[in-house]
N, C-alpha and C. Protein backbone atom coordinates (compact mmCIF):
# COMPACT_ATOMS: atom_id res chain seq x y z
N MET A 1 0.84 -1.18 0.00
CA MET A 1 0.00 0.00 0.00
C MET A 1 0.88 1.24 0.00
N GLN A 2 0.43 2.25 -0.68
CA GLN A 2 1.15 3.52 -0.77
C GLN A 2 0.82 4.38 0.45
N ILE A 3 1.82 4.96 1.08
CA ILE A 3 1.61 5.84 2.22
C ILE A 3 1.12 7.19 1.73
N ILE A 4 -0.01 7.65 2.28
CA ILE A 4 -0.62 8.92 1.89
C ILE A 4 -0.50 9.94 3.02
N ASN A 5 -1.08 9.63 4.18
CA ASN A 5 -1.03 10.46 5.39
C ASN A 5 -1.57 11.88 5.16
N GLU A 6 -2.82 11.96 4.67
CA GLU A 6 -3.48 13.25 4.44
C GLU A 6 -4.73 13.35 5.29
N ALA A 7 -4.99 14.54 5.82
CA ALA A 7 -6.22 14.78 6.58
C ALA A 7 -7.42 14.66 5.65
N ILE A 8 -8.50 14.04 6.15
CA ILE A 8 -9.72 13.86 5.36
C ILE A 8 -10.93 14.04 6.26
N GLY A 9 -12.08 14.21 5.64
CA GLY A 9 -13.36 14.19 6.35
C GLY A 9 -13.96 12.81 6.21
N VAL A 10 -14.48 12.25 7.30
CA VAL A 10 -15.03 10.91 7.30
C VAL A 10 -16.45 10.95 7.88
N ASN A 11 -17.37 10.26 7.21
CA ASN A 11 -18.72 10.07 7.72
C ASN A 11 -18.73 8.75 8.47
N VAL A 12 -19.30 8.74 9.67
CA VAL A 12 -19.28 7.53 10.49
C VAL A 12 -20.69 7.19 10.97
N ARG A 13 -20.81 5.94 11.40
CA ARG A 13 -22.04 5.47 12.04
C ARG A 13 -21.65 5.00 13.44
N PHE A 14 -22.44 5.39 14.43
CA PHE A 14 -22.22 4.96 15.80
C PHE A 14 -23.31 3.98 16.19
N GLY A 15 -22.93 2.96 16.94
CA GLY A 15 -23.93 2.02 17.43
C GLY A 15 -23.29 0.97 18.31
N GLY A 16 -23.90 0.69 19.43
CA GLY A 16 -23.40 -0.34 20.32
C GLY A 16 -22.00 -0.07 20.84
N GLY A 17 -21.66 1.21 21.01
CA GLY A 17 -20.33 1.56 21.50
C GLY A 17 -19.24 1.45 20.46
N VAL A 18 -19.63 1.34 19.18
CA VAL A 18 -18.66 1.16 18.09
C VAL A 18 -18.82 2.28 17.08
N VAL A 19 -17.70 2.77 16.57
CA VAL A 19 -17.71 3.74 15.48
C VAL A 19 -17.30 3.01 14.21
N LEU A 20 -17.99 3.28 13.10
CA LEU A 20 -17.70 2.60 11.85
C LEU A 20 -17.73 3.61 10.71
N PRO A 21 -16.63 3.76 9.96
CA PRO A 21 -16.64 4.69 8.83
C PRO A 21 -17.54 4.16 7.72
N ILE A 22 -18.37 5.07 7.17
CA ILE A 22 -19.27 4.67 6.08
C ILE A 22 -18.97 5.43 4.79
N GLY A 23 -18.14 6.47 4.86
CA GLY A 23 -17.76 7.23 3.67
C GLY A 23 -16.73 8.27 4.03
N PHE A 24 -16.06 8.81 3.01
CA PHE A 24 -15.06 9.85 3.25
C PHE A 24 -14.87 10.70 2.01
N ASP A 25 -14.37 11.91 2.22
CA ASP A 25 -14.05 12.84 1.14
C ASP A 25 -12.54 12.96 1.06
N TRP A 26 -12.02 12.80 -0.16
CA TRP A 26 -10.57 12.85 -0.35
C TRP A 26 -10.25 13.38 -1.74
N ARG A 27 -9.42 14.41 -1.80
CA ARG A 27 -8.96 15.00 -3.06
C ARG A 27 -10.12 15.35 -4.00
N GLY A 28 -11.15 15.96 -3.42
CA GLY A 28 -12.27 16.44 -4.22
C GLY A 28 -13.29 15.39 -4.62
N HIS A 29 -13.19 14.19 -4.10
CA HIS A 29 -14.14 13.11 -4.42
C HIS A 29 -14.72 12.55 -3.14
N SER A 30 -15.96 12.05 -3.24
CA SER A 30 -16.61 11.37 -2.12
C SER A 30 -16.61 9.88 -2.40
N TYR A 31 -16.30 9.11 -1.38
CA TYR A 31 -16.24 7.65 -1.50
C TYR A 31 -17.13 7.01 -0.46
N SER A 32 -17.84 5.98 -0.84
CA SER A 32 -18.63 5.18 0.09
C SER A 32 -17.81 3.96 0.48
N VAL A 33 -17.80 3.66 1.76
CA VAL A 33 -17.10 2.46 2.24
C VAL A 33 -18.03 1.27 2.01
N SER A 34 -17.59 0.31 1.23
CA SER A 34 -18.41 -0.86 0.96
C SER A 34 -18.20 -1.96 1.99
N ARG A 35 -17.00 -1.97 2.60
CA ARG A 35 -16.73 -3.01 3.60
C ARG A 35 -15.50 -2.63 4.41
N VAL A 36 -15.57 -2.82 5.72
CA VAL A 36 -14.41 -2.67 6.59
C VAL A 36 -13.85 -4.06 6.80
N THR A 37 -12.59 -4.26 6.41
CA THR A 37 -12.01 -5.60 6.46
C THR A 37 -11.19 -5.86 7.72
N MET A 38 -10.75 -4.79 8.40
CA MET A 38 -9.92 -4.96 9.58
C MET A 38 -9.99 -3.69 10.43
N VAL A 39 -9.97 -3.86 11.75
CA VAL A 39 -9.90 -2.75 12.69
C VAL A 39 -8.81 -3.09 13.69
N PHE A 40 -7.91 -2.12 13.94
CA PHE A 40 -6.84 -2.35 14.91
C PHE A 40 -6.43 -1.03 15.53
N GLU A 41 -5.74 -1.11 16.67
CA GLU A 41 -5.22 0.07 17.34
C GLU A 41 -3.72 0.15 17.14
N ARG A 42 -3.24 1.39 17.06
CA ARG A 42 -1.81 1.65 16.93
C ARG A 42 -1.45 2.77 17.89
N GLN A 43 -0.25 2.73 18.40
CA GLN A 43 0.23 3.78 19.29
C GLN A 43 1.55 4.31 18.74
N ASP A 44 1.67 5.64 18.75
CA ASP A 44 2.90 6.30 18.30
C ASP A 44 3.26 7.31 19.36
N GLY A 45 4.30 7.02 20.13
CA GLY A 45 4.61 7.87 21.27
C GLY A 45 3.48 7.76 22.26
N GLY A 46 2.93 8.89 22.67
CA GLY A 46 1.81 8.88 23.60
C GLY A 46 0.45 8.91 22.94
N ARG A 47 0.41 9.01 21.61
CA ARG A 47 -0.87 9.11 20.90
C ARG A 47 -1.37 7.73 20.51
N ARG A 48 -2.70 7.58 20.61
CA ARG A 48 -3.33 6.32 20.22
C ARG A 48 -4.23 6.56 19.01
N TYR A 49 -4.20 5.61 18.10
CA TYR A 49 -4.97 5.70 16.86
C TYR A 49 -5.82 4.45 16.69
N LEU A 50 -7.00 4.64 16.14
CA LEU A 50 -7.86 3.54 15.77
C LEU A 50 -7.86 3.49 14.25
N CYS A 51 -7.46 2.35 13.69
CA CYS A 51 -7.25 2.22 12.25
C CYS A 51 -8.27 1.26 11.64
N PHE A 52 -8.81 1.65 10.50
CA PHE A 52 -9.79 0.85 9.78
C PHE A 52 -9.24 0.59 8.38
N VAL A 53 -9.13 -0.65 7.99
CA VAL A 53 -8.80 -0.99 6.61
C VAL A 53 -10.13 -1.24 5.92
N ALA A 54 -10.39 -0.50 4.83
CA ALA A 54 -11.71 -0.54 4.21
C ALA A 54 -11.60 -0.57 2.69
N GLU A 55 -12.65 -1.13 2.07
CA GLU A 55 -12.79 -1.11 0.62
C GLU A 55 -13.71 0.06 0.27
N ALA A 56 -13.27 0.87 -0.69
CA ALA A 56 -14.07 2.03 -1.10
C ALA A 56 -13.67 2.44 -2.51
N GLY A 57 -14.63 2.55 -3.41
CA GLY A 57 -14.36 3.05 -4.75
C GLY A 57 -13.29 2.29 -5.50
N GLY A 58 -13.23 0.98 -5.32
CA GLY A 58 -12.22 0.18 -6.00
C GLY A 58 -10.84 0.26 -5.38
N MET A 59 -10.75 0.86 -4.20
CA MET A 59 -9.47 1.01 -3.51
C MET A 59 -9.53 0.26 -2.18
N LEU A 60 -8.37 -0.05 -1.66
CA LEU A 60 -8.23 -0.52 -0.29
C LEU A 60 -7.52 0.61 0.44
N VAL A 61 -8.14 1.13 1.50
CA VAL A 61 -7.60 2.28 2.20
C VAL A 61 -7.48 2.01 3.69
N GLU A 62 -6.54 2.69 4.32
CA GLU A 62 -6.44 2.68 5.77
C GLU A 62 -6.90 4.05 6.27
N LEU A 63 -8.01 4.07 7.01
CA LEU A 63 -8.55 5.29 7.59
C LEU A 63 -8.14 5.31 9.05
N VAL A 64 -7.55 6.42 9.50
CA VAL A 64 -6.95 6.49 10.83
C VAL A 64 -7.62 7.59 11.65
N LEU A 65 -8.15 7.20 12.81
CA LEU A 65 -8.77 8.13 13.74
C LEU A 65 -7.81 8.40 14.89
N ASP A 66 -7.44 9.67 15.07
CA ASP A 66 -6.62 10.08 16.21
C ASP A 66 -7.55 10.17 17.41
N ARG A 67 -7.35 9.31 18.40
CA ARG A 67 -8.26 9.23 19.54
C ARG A 67 -8.20 10.46 20.43
N GLU A 68 -7.15 11.26 20.34
CA GLU A 68 -7.05 12.47 21.16
C GLU A 68 -7.74 13.65 20.49
N SER A 69 -7.39 13.91 19.23
CA SER A 69 -7.94 15.07 18.52
C SER A 69 -9.25 14.77 17.80
N LEU A 70 -9.56 13.48 17.62
CA LEU A 70 -10.71 12.99 16.86
C LEU A 70 -10.63 13.39 15.39
N GLY A 71 -9.44 13.69 14.91
CA GLY A 71 -9.21 13.98 13.50
C GLY A 71 -8.95 12.70 12.72
N TRP A 72 -9.34 12.71 11.46
CA TRP A 72 -9.16 11.55 10.58
C TRP A 72 -8.09 11.82 9.54
N ARG A 73 -7.41 10.75 9.13
CA ARG A 73 -6.42 10.81 8.06
C ARG A 73 -6.59 9.57 7.20
N ILE A 74 -6.23 9.69 5.94
CA ILE A 74 -6.08 8.50 5.12
C ILE A 74 -4.61 8.14 5.22
N GLY A 75 -4.32 7.03 5.84
CA GLY A 75 -2.94 6.64 6.11
C GLY A 75 -2.27 6.02 4.90
N LYS A 76 -2.97 5.03 4.31
CA LYS A 76 -2.42 4.30 3.17
C LYS A 76 -3.52 4.02 2.17
N CYS A 77 -3.10 3.72 0.93
CA CYS A 77 -4.08 3.45 -0.12
C CYS A 77 -3.47 2.48 -1.13
N GLU A 78 -4.28 1.54 -1.56
CA GLU A 78 -3.93 0.65 -2.67
C GLU A 78 -4.94 0.97 -3.77
N PRO A 79 -4.55 1.84 -4.73
CA PRO A 79 -5.53 2.36 -5.68
C PRO A 79 -6.11 1.32 -6.65
N SER A 80 -5.38 0.30 -6.97
CA SER A 80 -5.88 -0.67 -7.96
C SER A 80 -6.23 -1.99 -7.27
N TYR A 81 -7.00 -1.88 -6.20
CA TYR A 81 -7.33 -3.05 -5.39
C TYR A 81 -8.21 -4.03 -6.16
N THR A 82 -9.18 -3.50 -6.93
CA THR A 82 -10.11 -4.40 -7.61
C THR A 82 -9.58 -4.85 -8.94
């Protein structure tokens, strides 16, 4: 996967104590998340991140939620996933 690390806007769904990304805006386009394939936590220094690997628009992307600032980033992308 290609490292991107750009701030993005993410639409999420909350339910049962879980947050799930359902879409995001990136580089002037809107993408719908068709499936979340993996969820994991990562820590860098003192910051904790919640990471979602998702299929969207024919891509495989890593969406990263900073648990402190609640900001989202697209961490990585595999543009020709399908």
